[in-house]
Amino acid sequence: MTIAIGVSTSNGSIIATDSRLTMQLKHRLFVRSDATTKIFQLNDCLLATAGQYNLKFNNQWLSIKEFLLNFTARHPDLTAANLANSLQQELANTNLASNDFILAKNNSVWHISHQTITKTPYIAIGQQAAVDEFYSLYPTFTSTGSIELLATELKNNLTHFIAVHPQFGKIGGPVQIACSTNNDA
């Protein structure tokens, strides 16, 4: 589980997430890594997930990266909106219901869950208590200024949030951030 944030503006979109990977062993959580990649490239889109890092898909265990490589290979030419719809259909028809995703391309952000797909200007996904607290501290992000300034603000806010909320044991590690601007091909 992680926390991931997606923001879209007229200039582009941003995804930010922590990088901690926790595992459960004998009913206890332990940190496996504080540098796990949580933002991925999917065709020409950015994608982040919150939920299980290892997924059961077609009766075998895959990491998120392996799942996304498989998904991309089966959908190599889909546009962002069609990718979001295809991923949502796959979530609805498989055993991936514990994961939500954020997909970003240019100035569009989609929240994808096993029940819905929503185009949104601002979304936080992950551990519910952490998401609720993040929204209470940072209810909005301004869309004025460059995408780079907004990315810096989002990174700083998420870094601060992780540092001052040690009670959310499943989040942590350095913040990863990626941008997709309207200039991206």
Protein backbone atom coordinates (compact mmCIF):
# COMPACT_ATOMS: atom_id res chain seq x y z
CA MET A 1 0.00 0.00 0.00
CA THR A 2 1.14 3.50 -0.70
CA ILE A 3 -0.21 6.97 -1.17
CA ALA A 4 -0.30 8.46 -4.64
CA ILE A 5 -1.49 11.90 -5.75
CA GLY A 6 -2.60 12.99 -9.22
CA VAL A 7 -3.10 16.61 -10.24
CA SER A 8 -4.10 18.02 -13.62
CA THR A 9 -3.85 21.63 -14.76
CA SER A 10 -4.25 23.41 -18.04
CA ASN A 11 -0.46 23.04 -18.53
CA GLY A 12 -0.16 19.31 -17.84
CA SER A 13 -0.46 16.69 -15.13
CA ILE A 14 1.61 15.40 -12.23
CA ILE A 15 1.75 12.13 -10.31
CA ALA A 16 3.53 11.94 -6.96
CA THR A 17 3.90 8.94 -4.68
CA ASP A 18 6.00 7.65 -1.83
CA SER A 19 8.48 4.87 -2.52
CA ARG A 20 8.11 2.56 0.50
CA LEU A 21 7.31 -1.08 -0.05
CA THR A 22 6.02 -2.85 3.06
CA MET A 23 5.39 -6.54 3.44
CA GLN A 24 3.39 -8.44 6.03
CA LEU A 25 4.99 -11.40 7.74
CA LYS A 26 3.27 -13.20 10.61
CA HIS A 27 0.83 -10.32 11.14
CA ARG A 28 3.61 -7.71 11.34
CA LEU A 29 4.56 -5.09 8.79
CA PHE A 30 8.17 -4.62 7.83
CA VAL A 31 9.78 -2.27 5.33
CA ARG A 32 11.15 -4.20 2.39
CA SER A 33 12.38 -1.12 0.53
CA ASP A 34 12.32 2.64 0.81
CA ALA A 35 13.15 3.04 -2.88
CA THR A 36 10.59 0.97 -4.79
CA THR A 37 9.44 2.38 -8.12
CA LYS A 38 5.76 3.33 -7.89
CA ILE A 39 5.38 5.44 -11.08
CA PHE A 40 5.47 3.61 -14.40
CA GLN A 41 5.34 4.44 -18.10
CA LEU A 42 2.39 2.85 -19.92
CA ASN A 43 2.59 3.58 -23.67
CA ASP A 44 2.86 7.39 -23.59
CA CYS A 45 1.11 7.77 -20.21
CA LEU A 46 2.24 7.88 -16.60
CA LEU A 47 0.70 5.42 -14.16
CA ALA A 48 0.86 4.99 -10.38
CA THR A 49 -0.91 2.48 -8.20
CA ALA A 50 -1.96 2.13 -4.60
CA GLY A 51 -2.71 -1.29 -3.26
CA GLN A 52 -0.88 -4.58 -3.40
CA TYR A 53 2.54 -4.53 -5.04
CA ASN A 54 2.30 -8.21 -5.95
CA LEU A 55 -0.87 -9.21 -7.77
CA LYS A 56 -2.48 -12.53 -8.54
CA PHE A 57 -3.29 -12.46 -12.26
CA ASN A 58 -4.39 -15.51 -14.27
CA ASN A 59 -3.48 -17.77 -11.33
CA GLN A 60 0.11 -16.55 -11.04
CA TRP A 61 1.80 -13.86 -8.96
CA LEU A 62 3.16 -10.82 -10.77
CA SER A 63 4.74 -7.62 -9.54
CA ILE A 64 3.02 -4.41 -10.61
CA LYS A 65 5.85 -3.88 -13.11
CA GLU A 66 5.37 -7.36 -14.62
CA PHE A 67 1.61 -6.86 -14.78
CA LEU A 68 2.00 -3.50 -16.54
CA LEU A 69 4.55 -4.87 -19.04
CA ASN A 70 2.08 -7.64 -19.85
CA PHE A 71 -0.79 -5.17 -20.10
CA THR A 72 1.20 -2.81 -22.36
CA ALA A 73 2.22 -5.69 -24.64
CA ARG A 74 -1.45 -6.57 -25.11
CA HIS A 75 -2.48 -2.91 -25.71
CA PRO A 76 0.50 -1.26 -27.45
CA ASP A 77 -1.33 1.38 -29.46
CA LEU A 78 -4.16 2.54 -27.20
CA THR A 79 -4.61 6.22 -26.40
CA ALA A 80 -4.78 7.41 -22.79
CA ALA A 81 -8.59 7.31 -22.49
CA ASN A 82 -8.77 3.87 -24.10
CA LEU A 83 -5.94 2.60 -21.87
CA ALA A 84 -7.83 3.83 -18.81
CA ASN A 85 -10.99 2.03 -19.97
CA SER A 86 -9.10 -1.18 -20.76
CA LEU A 87 -7.33 -1.16 -17.41
CA GLN A 88 -10.60 -0.57 -15.58
CA GLN A 89 -12.21 -3.49 -17.43
CA GLU A 90 -9.27 -5.70 -16.49
CA LEU A 91 -9.57 -4.67 -12.84
CA ALA A 92 -13.29 -5.44 -12.90
CA ASN A 93 -12.80 -8.88 -14.47
CA THR A 94 -9.77 -10.14 -12.51
CA ASN A 95 -8.47 -10.48 -9.00
CA LEU A 96 -6.99 -6.95 -8.94
CA ALA A 97 -9.74 -5.31 -6.89
CA SER A 98 -7.35 -4.27 -4.11
CA ASN A 99 -5.53 -1.80 -6.38
CA ASP A 100 -6.52 1.65 -7.59
CA PHE A 101 -4.54 3.42 -10.30
CA ILE A 102 -3.87 6.99 -11.43
CA LEU A 103 -3.21 7.46 -15.16
CA ALA A 104 -1.94 10.81 -16.46
CA LYS A 105 -1.33 12.17 -19.94
CA ASN A 106 -0.91 15.83 -20.91
CA ASN A 107 -3.50 17.73 -18.84
CA SER A 108 -5.71 14.74 -18.02
CA VAL A 109 -5.77 12.54 -14.92
CA TRP A 110 -7.93 9.44 -14.50
CA HIS A 111 -8.67 7.57 -11.28
CA ILE A 112 -9.19 3.89 -12.12
CA SER A 113 -10.67 1.43 -9.64
CA HIS A 114 -12.34 -1.96 -10.04
CA GLN A 115 -15.75 -0.22 -9.93
CA THR A 116 -15.24 3.07 -11.78
CA ILE A 117 -13.11 5.24 -13.99
CA THR A 118 -13.21 8.97 -13.30
CA LYS A 119 -11.48 11.86 -15.04
CA THR A 120 -10.51 14.24 -12.25
CA PRO A 121 -8.39 17.35 -11.62
CA TYR A 122 -7.12 16.11 -8.21
CA ILE A 123 -7.07 12.66 -6.61
CA ALA A 124 -5.32 10.95 -3.70
CA ILE A 125 -5.40 7.15 -3.49
CA GLY A 126 -4.01 4.67 -1.01
CA GLN A 127 -4.43 3.90 2.68
CA GLN A 128 -7.79 5.53 3.49
CA ALA A 129 -6.71 7.21 6.74
CA ALA A 130 -3.66 8.68 4.98
CA VAL A 131 -5.76 9.88 2.04
CA ASP A 132 -8.29 11.54 4.36
CA GLU A 133 -5.52 13.28 6.31
CA PHE A 134 -3.74 14.40 3.13
CA TYR A 135 -6.98 15.91 1.78
CA SER A 136 -7.59 17.72 5.07
CA LEU A 137 -4.10 19.27 4.95
CA TYR A 138 -3.99 19.96 1.20
CA PRO A 139 -7.60 20.24 -0.01
CA THR A 140 -6.63 21.83 -3.34
CA PHE A 141 -3.67 22.68 -5.52
CA THR A 142 -3.57 25.94 -7.41
CA SER A 143 -3.40 25.66 -11.17
CA THR A 144 -1.54 28.92 -11.61
CA GLY A 145 2.13 28.90 -12.45
CA SER A 146 4.21 26.39 -14.32
CA ILE A 147 3.82 22.64 -14.06
CA GLU A 148 7.36 22.53 -12.62
CA LEU A 149 6.39 24.84 -9.73
CA LEU A 150 3.27 22.82 -9.02
CA ALA A 151 5.34 19.60 -9.11
CA THR A 152 7.78 21.09 -6.59
CA GLU A 153 4.90 22.16 -4.34
CA LEU A 154 3.30 18.71 -4.53
CA LYS A 155 6.63 16.96 -3.83
CA ASN A 156 7.32 19.23 -0.85
CA ASN A 157 3.82 18.72 0.56
CA LEU A 158 3.94 14.94 0.20
CA THR A 159 7.48 14.80 1.68
CA HIS A 160 6.32 16.88 4.65
CA PHE A 161 3.17 14.77 5.04
CA ILE A 162 5.19 11.53 5.17
CA ALA A 163 7.69 13.00 7.64
CA VAL A 164 5.10 14.24 10.14
CA HIS A 165 2.72 11.26 10.00
CA PRO A 166 4.71 8.24 11.23
CA GLN A 167 1.44 6.56 12.30
CA PHE A 168 0.87 5.64 8.64
CA GLY A 169 3.42 2.83 8.63
CA LYS A 170 2.77 1.77 5.06
CA ILE A 171 3.92 5.07 3.56
CA GLY A 172 7.40 6.53 3.53
CA GLY A 173 10.62 6.70 1.61
CA PRO A 174 11.55 9.43 -0.83
CA VAL A 175 8.81 10.98 -2.92
CA GLN A 176 8.76 10.06 -6.60
CA ILE A 177 7.28 12.55 -9.01
CA ALA A 178 6.63 12.62 -12.75
CA CYS A 179 5.04 15.18 -15.05
CA SER A 180 3.28 15.04 -18.37
CA THR A 181 3.02 18.41 -20.08
CA ASN A 182 0.87 19.44 -23.00
CA ASN A 183 4.10 19.64 -25.01
CA ASP A 184 4.76 15.91 -24.60
CA ALA A 185 4.41 14.00 -27.86
